[in-house]
Amino acid sequence: MKTQAIATKLPTDLTKALDDVCKRLGLRKNFVIEAALREKIEDLLDAEDLQEAVREATGFRPWEEVKKGRNQENPK
């Protein structure tokens, strides 16, 4: 697999936490950062897919609208 370097600025406390956990667990920083980025990207794409599915769903109505309609049809 080809690799490419990226550069970014991170808060000092985050880089210290990364250094500490990698040293404590014997992990490589590259491994931890790559795994975290892959997981975050997957989460973002999943959230986007869910939002798109909700927008495209037939018959989707907000809960407030459903609840209001039920009260009007069957007042109890």
N, C-alpha and C. Protein backbone atom coordinates (compact mmCIF):
# COMPACT_ATOMS: atom_id res chain seq x y z
N MET A 1 0.84 -1.17 0.00
CA MET A 1 0.00 0.00 0.00
C MET A 1 0.89 1.23 0.00
N LYS A 2 0.56 2.16 -0.89
CA LYS A 2 1.30 3.41 -0.93
C LYS A 2 0.94 4.24 0.30
N THR A 3 1.88 5.03 0.73
CA THR A 3 1.62 5.94 1.85
C THR A 3 1.96 7.36 1.43
N GLN A 4 1.37 8.29 2.15
CA GLN A 4 1.60 9.71 1.90
C GLN A 4 1.62 10.41 3.24
N ALA A 5 2.57 11.30 3.41
CA ALA A 5 2.67 12.05 4.65
C ALA A 5 1.66 13.19 4.66
N ILE A 6 1.10 13.44 5.82
CA ILE A 6 0.24 14.60 6.00
C ILE A 6 0.77 15.37 7.20
N ALA A 7 0.49 16.64 7.23
CA ALA A 7 0.90 17.47 8.36
C ALA A 7 -0.32 18.19 8.90
N THR A 8 -0.42 18.25 10.20
CA THR A 8 -1.53 18.95 10.84
C THR A 8 -1.09 19.43 12.20
N LYS A 9 -1.76 20.42 12.69
CA LYS A 9 -1.49 20.92 14.04
C LYS A 9 -2.56 20.39 14.97
N LEU A 10 -2.12 19.85 16.09
CA LEU A 10 -3.02 19.29 17.09
C LEU A 10 -2.76 19.95 18.43
N PRO A 11 -3.76 19.98 19.29
CA PRO A 11 -3.55 20.53 20.63
C PRO A 11 -2.46 19.74 21.37
N THR A 12 -1.68 20.45 22.14
CA THR A 12 -0.56 19.85 22.87
C THR A 12 -1.03 18.72 23.78
N ASP A 13 -2.17 18.89 24.45
CA ASP A 13 -2.65 17.84 25.35
C ASP A 13 -3.00 16.56 24.60
N LEU A 14 -3.49 16.70 23.37
CA LEU A 14 -3.82 15.53 22.57
C LEU A 14 -2.56 14.79 22.12
N THR A 15 -1.56 15.52 21.68
CA THR A 15 -0.32 14.86 21.26
C THR A 15 0.39 14.21 22.44
N LYS A 16 0.29 14.83 23.61
CA LYS A 16 0.89 14.22 24.81
C LYS A 16 0.15 12.94 25.17
N ALA A 17 -1.18 12.97 25.09
CA ALA A 17 -1.97 11.77 25.39
C ALA A 17 -1.64 10.66 24.40
N LEU A 18 -1.48 11.00 23.14
CA LEU A 18 -1.10 10.02 22.12
C LEU A 18 0.27 9.42 22.43
N ASP A 19 1.22 10.27 22.74
CA ASP A 19 2.56 9.80 23.10
C ASP A 19 2.51 8.85 24.29
N ASP A 20 1.75 9.26 25.31
CA ASP A 20 1.68 8.46 26.53
C ASP A 20 1.04 7.10 26.29
N VAL A 21 -0.08 7.07 25.58
CA VAL A 21 -0.77 5.80 25.36
C VAL A 21 0.05 4.88 24.46
N CYS A 22 0.70 5.44 23.46
CA CYS A 22 1.53 4.62 22.58
C CYS A 22 2.70 4.01 23.33
N LYS A 23 3.33 4.81 24.19
CA LYS A 23 4.45 4.31 24.98
C LYS A 23 3.98 3.24 25.96
N ARG A 24 2.87 3.50 26.64
CA ARG A 24 2.33 2.58 27.64
C ARG A 24 1.92 1.24 27.03
N LEU A 25 1.29 1.29 25.83
CA LEU A 25 0.77 0.07 25.21
C LEU A 25 1.70 -0.51 24.15
N GLY A 26 2.80 0.16 23.88
CA GLY A 26 3.74 -0.33 22.88
C GLY A 26 3.20 -0.25 21.46
N LEU A 27 2.44 0.79 21.18
CA LEU A 27 1.85 0.97 19.85
C LEU A 27 2.61 2.03 19.07
N ARG A 28 2.51 1.94 17.75
CA ARG A 28 3.09 2.97 16.89
C ARG A 28 2.06 4.07 16.69
N LYS A 29 2.52 5.31 16.69
CA LYS A 29 1.61 6.45 16.50
C LYS A 29 0.90 6.35 15.16
N ASN A 30 1.62 5.97 14.12
CA ASN A 30 1.00 5.87 12.80
C ASN A 30 -0.18 4.91 12.82
N PHE A 31 -0.02 3.78 13.49
CA PHE A 31 -1.10 2.79 13.57
C PHE A 31 -2.33 3.38 14.26
N VAL A 32 -2.11 4.05 15.40
CA VAL A 32 -3.22 4.60 16.18
C VAL A 32 -3.94 5.70 15.39
N ILE A 33 -3.17 6.58 14.77
CA ILE A 33 -3.76 7.68 14.00
C ILE A 33 -4.52 7.15 12.79
N GLU A 34 -3.93 6.19 12.08
CA GLU A 34 -4.61 5.62 10.91
C GLU A 34 -5.91 4.94 11.31
N ALA A 35 -5.87 4.15 12.38
CA ALA A 35 -7.08 3.45 12.83
C ALA A 35 -8.16 4.45 13.25
N ALA A 36 -7.76 5.50 13.95
CA ALA A 36 -8.73 6.50 14.40
C ALA A 36 -9.34 7.24 13.21
N LEU A 37 -8.53 7.58 12.23
CA LEU A 37 -9.05 8.29 11.05
C LEU A 37 -9.99 7.40 10.25
N ARG A 38 -9.63 6.15 10.07
CA ARG A 38 -10.50 5.23 9.34
C ARG A 38 -11.85 5.08 10.03
N GLU A 39 -11.83 4.93 11.35
CA GLU A 39 -13.07 4.78 12.10
C GLU A 39 -13.91 6.05 12.03
N LYS A 40 -13.29 7.21 12.16
CA LYS A 40 -14.02 8.48 12.11
C LYS A 40 -14.64 8.70 10.74
N ILE A 41 -13.89 8.41 9.69
CA ILE A 41 -14.42 8.56 8.33
C ILE A 41 -15.62 7.64 8.13
N GLU A 42 -15.53 6.41 8.61
CA GLU A 42 -16.64 5.47 8.49
C GLU A 42 -17.88 5.98 9.25
N ASP A 43 -17.66 6.50 10.45
CA ASP A 43 -18.76 7.05 11.24
C ASP A 43 -19.43 8.23 10.52
N LEU A 44 -18.62 9.11 9.95
CA LEU A 44 -19.16 10.27 9.24
C LEU A 44 -19.98 9.84 8.03
N LEU A 45 -19.48 8.87 7.29
CA LEU A 45 -20.19 8.39 6.11
C LEU A 45 -21.47 7.66 6.51
N ASP A 46 -21.42 6.88 7.59
CA ASP A 46 -22.63 6.20 8.08
C ASP A 46 -23.69 7.21 8.49
N ALA A 47 -23.28 8.28 9.18
CA ALA A 47 -24.23 9.31 9.61
C ALA A 47 -24.84 10.01 8.40
N GLU A 48 -24.02 10.27 7.39
CA GLU A 48 -24.54 10.90 6.18
C GLU A 48 -25.52 9.97 5.47
N ASP A 49 -25.19 8.69 5.38
CA ASP A 49 -26.10 7.71 4.75
C ASP A 49 -27.43 7.64 5.49
N LEU A 50 -27.38 7.66 6.81
CA LEU A 50 -28.60 7.61 7.61
C LEU A 50 -29.45 8.85 7.37
N GLN A 51 -28.83 10.01 7.35
CA GLN A 51 -29.59 11.24 7.09
C GLN A 51 -30.23 11.21 5.72
N GLU A 52 -29.50 10.72 4.73
CA GLU A 52 -30.04 10.62 3.37
C GLU A 52 -31.21 9.64 3.33
N ALA A 53 -31.09 8.51 4.02
CA ALA A 53 -32.17 7.53 4.05
C ALA A 53 -33.43 8.11 4.69
N VAL A 54 -33.25 8.87 5.75
CA VAL A 54 -34.40 9.49 6.42
C VAL A 54 -35.06 10.50 5.48
N ARG A 55 -34.26 11.28 4.77
CA ARG A 55 -34.82 12.27 3.83
C ARG A 55 -35.59 11.59 2.71
N GLU A 56 -35.11 10.44 2.26
CA GLU A 56 -35.72 9.76 1.12
C GLU A 56 -36.84 8.79 1.50
N ALA A 57 -36.97 8.50 2.78
CA ALA A 57 -37.97 7.51 3.21
C ALA A 57 -39.37 7.99 2.88
N THR A 58 -40.16 7.07 2.39
CA THR A 58 -41.55 7.44 2.09
C THR A 58 -42.35 7.38 3.37
N GLY A 59 -43.19 8.35 3.55
CA GLY A 59 -44.05 8.39 4.72
C GLY A 59 -43.36 8.86 5.99
N PHE A 60 -42.15 9.33 5.90
CA PHE A 60 -41.48 9.80 7.11
C PHE A 60 -42.08 11.13 7.54
N ARG A 61 -42.47 11.18 8.81
CA ARG A 61 -42.95 12.42 9.39
C ARG A 61 -42.30 12.59 10.76
N PRO A 62 -41.98 13.81 11.14
CA PRO A 62 -41.41 14.03 12.48
C PRO A 62 -42.36 13.52 13.56
N TRP A 63 -41.81 13.07 14.68
CA TRP A 63 -42.60 12.52 15.77
C TRP A 63 -43.65 13.50 16.26
N GLU A 64 -43.32 14.79 16.34
CA GLU A 64 -44.28 15.78 16.82
C GLU A 64 -45.52 15.80 15.92
N GLU A 65 -45.32 15.68 14.62
CA GLU A 65 -46.43 15.67 13.68
C GLU A 65 -47.28 14.41 13.84
N VAL A 66 -46.62 13.27 14.00
CA VAL A 66 -47.35 12.01 14.19
C VAL A 66 -48.16 12.07 15.47
N LYS A 67 -47.55 12.53 16.54
CA LYS A 67 -48.23 12.61 17.83
C LYS A 67 -49.42 13.55 17.77
N LYS A 68 -49.25 14.69 17.13
CA LYS A 68 -50.34 15.66 17.00
C LYS A 68 -51.50 15.07 16.20
N GLY A 69 -51.19 14.37 15.12
CA GLY A 69 -52.22 13.76 14.29
C GLY A 69 -53.00 12.70 15.04
N ARG A 70 -52.34 11.92 15.86
CA ARG A 70 -52.99 10.87 16.63
C ARG A 70 -53.95 11.48 17.64
N ASN A 71 -53.56 12.57 18.27
CA ASN A 71 -54.41 13.21 19.26
C ASN A 71 -55.67 13.79 18.62
N GLN A 72 -55.57 14.28 17.39
CA GLN A 72 -56.71 14.84 16.70
C GLN A 72 -57.68 13.75 16.27
N GLU A 73 -57.16 12.59 15.87
CA GLU A 73 -58.01 11.50 15.40
C GLU A 73 -58.69 10.78 16.55
N ASN A 74 -57.99 10.64 17.64
CA ASN A 74 -58.47 9.84 18.75
C ASN A 74 -58.27 10.61 20.05
N PRO A 75 -59.03 11.65 20.30
CA PRO A 75 -58.80 12.47 21.50
C PRO A 75 -59.16 11.70 22.77
N LYS A 76 -58.16 11.52 23.62
CA LYS A 76 -58.37 10.84 24.91
C LYS A 76 -57.84 11.67 26.03
